[in-house]
Amino acid sequence: MNNQAQLWLGKLLVVVSLSITFISSALAEADPKLWDVTKEAFFAKRDIQEVDFLKIDAPRRAESGAQVPVTYSYDRAAAKGVVLKKIYSIVDANPIPMTAIYHLTDALGNFQLSTRVRYETDSFIHLVGEDADGKLYMAKREIRAAGGCGGMVENDEAAIRAVAGKIKLKVDEPVKFGSPVSTTFNIRHTMRTGLQRDLVSQGYVPAFYIKKVDFTYNGNPLMTIDVGVGTAEDPYFKFDFIPAAPGKLEVTATDNEGKVFTHTLDVKS
């Protein structure tokens, strides 16, 4: 394990141990003090400015902690010159808070992305944007939900692996080149967290999850997502991008065991 990996593992262990201390019950109110702990773990001694150009749209109370729908948006015009290169999605009270890191390009235009995340207990979710100079900007929202990260699961390994990696990729038609196009990506995958127990053995089921998704258009980077286990089962990302001309939209997904899944879509007018 290299030094950078050891550093991030150390940060995760700090957050896990401190989060467990704060979480008293799955029905507890979201605790705003958790953000101080999480912020220090991931953005130690760095200033973060709360802004209006980042937004989180989500239900006040989710039906299931295993599938909490959220939509993130970044309004470039309202940002007045602030150009974000990364956006971090963090659920403060999750045992592993970082749900994903989104690496952005200009081809996304005004970034808007819908996805589904896991919630172990009531929590604030924070969206942190970072520009090329390392300056940080933030939005937050409180969501009531529980039970999405741990619990008991059936472990039919053969069935799980038979469907893992099957991808659906589509763009809404008709496509108008030079304008935003709505794109939907979905991949079958159990996204096991490593915190779930097997119904039969009662032991912990090993983590098994998609860890990275790369999108390109005509060979050029479009968006890369570092995916965490806080992303819900069968990862789903719906976002806009701006194709300048007809071409190929390609996606490559990699799991934590090194398996690679790919899909290509021709984008035409």
Protein backbone atom coordinates (compact mmCIF):
# COMPACT_ATOMS: atom_id res chain seq x y z
CA MET A 1 0.00 0.00 0.00
CA ASN A 2 1.49 3.40 -1.00
CA ASN A 3 1.70 6.43 1.30
CA GLN A 4 -1.34 8.16 -0.23
CA ALA A 5 -3.49 5.04 0.19
CA GLN A 6 -2.31 4.69 3.80
CA LEU A 7 -3.20 8.34 4.45
CA TRP A 8 -6.76 7.95 3.10
CA LEU A 9 -7.22 4.69 5.00
CA GLY A 10 -6.15 6.46 8.17
CA LYS A 11 -8.68 9.22 7.53
CA LEU A 12 -11.46 6.70 6.98
CA LEU A 13 -10.62 4.87 10.21
CA VAL A 14 -10.74 8.14 12.14
CA VAL A 15 -14.13 8.99 10.71
CA VAL A 16 -15.50 5.49 11.34
CA SER A 17 -14.45 5.47 14.99
CA LEU A 18 -15.68 8.98 15.70
CA SER A 19 -18.93 8.46 13.80
CA ILE A 20 -19.74 5.40 15.91
CA THR A 21 -19.21 7.49 19.01
CA PHE A 22 -21.70 10.09 17.85
CA ILE A 23 -24.39 7.74 16.49
CA SER A 24 -26.61 6.69 19.39
CA SER A 25 -29.56 5.31 17.49
CA ALA A 26 -30.94 4.84 14.00
CA LEU A 27 -33.82 7.12 14.95
CA ALA A 28 -31.68 9.96 16.31
CA GLU A 29 -31.91 13.45 14.89
CA ALA A 30 -29.16 14.36 12.43
CA ASP A 31 -26.22 15.68 14.46
CA PRO A 32 -24.64 18.85 12.99
CA LYS A 33 -21.54 18.35 15.16
CA LEU A 34 -20.55 15.36 13.02
CA TRP A 35 -19.53 17.71 10.23
CA ASP A 36 -16.72 19.15 12.33
CA VAL A 37 -15.31 15.65 12.73
CA THR A 38 -15.73 14.69 9.08
CA LYS A 39 -14.40 18.01 7.77
CA GLU A 40 -11.25 17.63 9.82
CA ALA A 41 -10.75 14.07 8.57
CA PHE A 42 -11.00 14.94 4.88
CA PHE A 43 -10.19 18.67 4.68
CA ALA A 44 -8.00 19.26 7.72
CA LYS A 45 -7.44 22.94 8.57
CA ARG A 46 -8.87 24.11 5.23
CA ASP A 47 -11.49 26.84 4.99
CA ILE A 48 -14.80 25.90 3.36
CA GLN A 49 -17.22 28.59 2.22
CA GLU A 50 -20.95 27.84 2.21
CA VAL A 51 -22.42 29.04 -1.12
CA ASP A 52 -25.66 29.21 -3.09
CA PHE A 53 -24.26 27.99 -6.42
CA LEU A 54 -24.04 24.44 -5.08
CA LYS A 55 -27.34 22.75 -4.25
CA ILE A 56 -28.65 19.39 -3.01
CA ASP A 57 -32.19 18.37 -3.86
CA ALA A 58 -33.47 15.41 -1.83
CA PRO A 59 -36.49 14.31 0.22
CA ARG A 60 -36.65 15.48 3.82
CA ARG A 61 -37.38 11.88 4.81
CA ALA A 62 -36.40 8.98 2.53
CA GLU A 63 -38.48 5.82 2.19
CA SER A 64 -35.38 3.60 2.40
CA GLY A 65 -31.91 4.20 3.77
CA ALA A 66 -30.58 1.80 1.13
CA GLN A 67 -31.79 3.96 -1.78
CA VAL A 68 -31.89 7.69 -0.99
CA PRO A 69 -32.44 9.79 -4.15
CA VAL A 70 -30.37 12.99 -4.40
CA THR A 71 -29.68 15.53 -7.12
CA TYR A 72 -26.55 17.70 -7.03
CA SER A 73 -26.22 20.90 -9.03
CA TYR A 74 -23.50 23.47 -9.67
CA ASP A 75 -24.59 26.69 -11.40
CA ARG A 76 -21.54 28.10 -13.20
CA ALA A 77 -23.19 31.45 -13.93
CA ALA A 78 -24.12 31.97 -10.28
CA ALA A 79 -20.60 30.93 -9.27
CA LYS A 80 -19.25 34.13 -10.91
CA GLY A 81 -15.93 32.80 -12.10
CA VAL A 82 -15.49 29.96 -9.63
CA VAL A 83 -14.68 26.89 -11.75
CA LEU A 84 -14.97 23.66 -9.82
CA LYS A 85 -12.78 20.72 -10.80
CA LYS A 86 -14.02 18.23 -8.18
CA ILE A 87 -17.18 17.73 -6.16
CA TYR A 88 -17.20 15.53 -3.05
CA SER A 89 -20.43 13.96 -1.76
CA ILE A 90 -20.30 13.17 1.97
CA VAL A 91 -22.93 11.68 4.30
CA ASP A 92 -21.65 12.75 7.71
CA ALA A 93 -23.05 9.90 9.84
CA ASN A 94 -22.24 6.99 7.53
CA PRO A 95 -19.53 4.61 8.78
CA ILE A 96 -17.68 5.47 5.54
CA PRO A 97 -18.91 9.01 4.78
CA MET A 98 -17.47 9.66 1.29
CA THR A 99 -20.09 8.42 -1.19
CA ALA A 100 -18.32 9.65 -4.35
CA ILE A 101 -15.89 12.18 -5.82
CA TYR A 102 -16.88 13.70 -9.17
CA HIS A 103 -14.07 14.95 -11.44
CA LEU A 104 -15.57 17.53 -13.79
CA THR A 105 -14.82 18.87 -17.28
CA ASP A 106 -16.12 21.86 -19.23
CA ALA A 107 -18.13 19.48 -21.44
CA LEU A 108 -20.61 19.01 -18.57
CA GLY A 109 -21.70 22.67 -18.69
CA ASN A 110 -23.82 23.47 -15.64
CA PHE A 111 -23.27 20.31 -13.62
CA GLN A 112 -26.46 18.56 -12.54
CA LEU A 113 -26.40 14.91 -11.52
CA SER A 114 -28.97 12.60 -9.96
CA THR A 115 -27.95 9.47 -8.10
CA ARG A 116 -28.88 7.29 -5.11
CA VAL A 117 -26.89 7.00 -1.89
CA ARG A 118 -26.97 4.95 1.31
CA TYR A 119 -27.83 6.28 4.75
CA GLU A 120 -27.02 4.39 7.94
CA THR A 121 -28.86 6.90 10.14
CA ASP A 122 -30.33 10.42 10.02
CA SER A 123 -27.62 12.75 8.79
CA PHE A 124 -26.61 15.87 6.96
CA ILE A 125 -25.22 15.35 3.49
CA HIS A 126 -22.51 17.78 2.40
CA LEU A 127 -21.52 18.65 -1.15
CA VAL A 128 -18.01 20.14 -1.27
CA GLY A 129 -16.63 21.67 -4.46
CA GLU A 130 -12.93 22.27 -5.08
CA ASP A 131 -11.41 24.60 -7.69
CA ALA A 132 -8.01 24.37 -9.37
CA ASP A 133 -6.42 26.42 -6.58
CA GLY A 134 -7.72 24.09 -3.89
CA LYS A 135 -10.37 26.51 -2.57
CA LEU A 136 -13.40 24.74 -1.13
CA TYR A 137 -17.12 25.56 -1.37
CA MET A 138 -20.04 23.79 0.27
CA ALA A 139 -23.76 23.06 0.38
CA LYS A 140 -25.61 20.86 2.88
CA ARG A 141 -28.99 19.24 3.49
CA GLU A 142 -30.51 17.19 6.29
CA ILE A 143 -32.17 13.87 5.38
CA ARG A 144 -33.96 11.38 7.64
CA ALA A 145 -33.21 7.77 6.69
CA ALA A 146 -31.68 4.66 8.27
CA GLY A 147 -30.30 1.16 7.80
CA GLY A 148 -28.63 1.45 4.42
CA CYS A 149 -25.00 0.54 5.14
CA GLY A 150 -25.04 -2.47 7.46
CA GLY A 151 -27.67 -5.07 8.37
CA MET A 152 -28.17 -8.64 7.18
CA VAL A 153 -28.01 -9.73 3.55
CA GLU A 154 -28.54 -12.89 1.53
CA ASN A 155 -25.26 -13.94 0.01
CA ASP A 156 -26.02 -15.85 -3.19
CA GLU A 157 -22.55 -15.32 -4.62
CA ALA A 158 -23.22 -17.03 -7.95
CA ALA A 159 -26.32 -14.96 -8.64
CA ILE A 160 -24.63 -11.71 -7.59
CA ARG A 161 -21.65 -12.26 -9.88
CA ALA A 162 -23.77 -13.47 -12.81
CA VAL A 163 -25.34 -10.01 -13.22
CA ALA A 164 -22.50 -7.81 -11.93
CA GLY A 165 -21.32 -5.28 -14.48
CA LYS A 166 -24.29 -5.25 -16.84
CA ILE A 167 -24.58 -1.66 -18.07
CA LYS A 168 -27.45 0.41 -19.44
CA LEU A 169 -26.48 3.70 -21.10
CA LYS A 170 -28.79 6.08 -22.97
CA VAL A 171 -29.13 9.68 -24.09
CA ASP A 172 -32.44 11.44 -24.51
CA GLU A 173 -33.44 12.10 -28.09
CA PRO A 174 -33.58 14.13 -30.21
CA VAL A 175 -29.97 15.27 -29.64
CA LYS A 176 -29.19 18.93 -30.38
CA PHE A 177 -25.45 19.33 -30.76
CA GLY A 178 -24.00 22.23 -28.81
CA SER A 179 -26.79 21.95 -26.22
CA PRO A 180 -27.07 19.88 -23.01
CA VAL A 181 -28.11 16.26 -23.50
CA SER A 182 -29.57 14.20 -20.66
CA THR A 183 -27.62 10.98 -20.14
CA THR A 184 -28.51 8.02 -17.91
CA PHE A 185 -26.06 5.37 -16.73
CA ASN A 186 -26.97 2.32 -14.65
CA ILE A 187 -24.81 -0.69 -13.78
CA ARG A 188 -25.92 -3.85 -12.01
CA HIS A 189 -23.81 -4.36 -8.92
CA THR A 190 -24.54 -5.33 -5.32
CA MET A 191 -22.18 -2.65 -3.93
CA ARG A 192 -21.48 -4.63 -0.75
CA THR A 193 -20.11 -2.32 1.92
CA GLY A 194 -18.08 -4.81 3.97
CA LEU A 195 -20.28 -3.91 6.96
CA GLN A 196 -23.13 -6.32 6.15
CA ARG A 197 -23.57 -9.72 7.81
CA ASP A 198 -24.41 -12.97 6.07
CA LEU A 199 -27.83 -14.34 7.09
CA VAL A 200 -26.43 -17.87 7.39
CA SER A 201 -22.89 -17.57 8.73
CA GLN A 202 -23.48 -14.31 10.67
CA GLY A 203 -20.03 -13.23 9.53
CA TYR A 204 -19.25 -10.05 7.63
CA VAL A 205 -19.64 -10.30 3.85
CA PRO A 206 -16.51 -9.01 2.05
CA ALA A 207 -16.78 -5.63 0.35
CA PHE A 208 -17.54 -5.86 -3.36
CA TYR A 209 -18.27 -2.63 -5.18
CA ILE A 210 -17.75 -0.46 -8.24
CA LYS A 211 -14.93 1.94 -7.35
CA LYS A 212 -14.52 4.04 -10.49
CA VAL A 213 -16.56 5.06 -13.54
CA ASP A 214 -14.96 6.93 -16.47
CA PHE A 215 -17.01 8.65 -19.18
CA THR A 216 -15.43 9.86 -22.43
CA TYR A 217 -16.86 11.38 -25.60
CA ASN A 218 -15.00 10.91 -28.87
CA GLY A 219 -11.99 9.87 -26.82
CA ASN A 220 -11.97 13.03 -24.68
CA PRO A 221 -12.55 12.99 -20.91
CA LEU A 222 -16.10 13.85 -19.90
CA MET A 223 -16.37 12.89 -16.23
CA THR A 224 -14.67 10.49 -13.83
CA ILE A 225 -16.41 9.30 -10.67
CA ASP A 226 -14.51 7.79 -7.75
CA VAL A 227 -17.32 5.66 -6.34
CA GLY A 228 -17.58 4.71 -2.67
CA VAL A 229 -19.67 2.09 -0.88
CA GLY A 230 -22.04 4.87 0.19
CA THR A 231 -23.35 4.78 -3.38
CA ALA A 232 -26.47 2.62 -3.48
CA GLU A 233 -26.79 -0.84 -5.02
CA ASP A 234 -26.93 -0.85 -8.84
CA PRO A 235 -25.21 2.55 -9.20
CA TYR A 236 -27.24 5.10 -11.12
CA PHE A 237 -26.02 8.45 -12.47
CA LYS A 238 -28.12 10.81 -14.57
CA PHE A 239 -26.36 13.92 -15.83
CA ASP A 240 -26.13 16.37 -18.74
CA PHE A 241 -23.25 16.90 -21.11
CA ILE A 242 -22.80 19.02 -24.24
CA PRO A 243 -21.78 17.10 -27.37
CA ALA A 244 -20.30 19.38 -30.02
CA ALA A 245 -20.83 16.86 -32.84
CA PRO A 246 -21.91 13.26 -33.44
CA GLY A 247 -19.68 10.69 -31.78
CA LYS A 248 -19.17 7.86 -29.33
CA LEU A 249 -20.06 8.06 -25.66
CA GLU A 250 -17.98 5.46 -23.83
CA VAL A 251 -18.04 4.35 -20.21
CA THR A 252 -15.61 2.16 -18.31
CA ALA A 253 -16.45 0.90 -14.83
CA THR A 254 -13.91 -0.82 -12.56
CA ASP A 255 -14.67 -2.73 -9.36
CA ASN A 256 -12.54 -3.20 -6.24
CA GLU A 257 -11.40 -6.62 -7.49
CA GLY A 258 -10.01 -5.13 -10.69
CA LYS A 259 -12.76 -6.30 -13.05
CA VAL A 260 -13.52 -3.89 -15.89
CA PHE A 261 -16.90 -3.35 -17.56
CA THR A 262 -17.36 -1.22 -20.69
CA HIS A 263 -20.15 0.07 -22.90
CA THR A 264 -20.25 2.32 -25.98
CA LEU A 265 -23.14 4.35 -27.39
CA ASP A 266 -23.29 6.15 -30.75
CA VAL A 267 -24.72 9.65 -30.33
CA LYS A 268 -26.51 10.91 -33.44
CA SER A 269 -28.85 13.77 -34.26
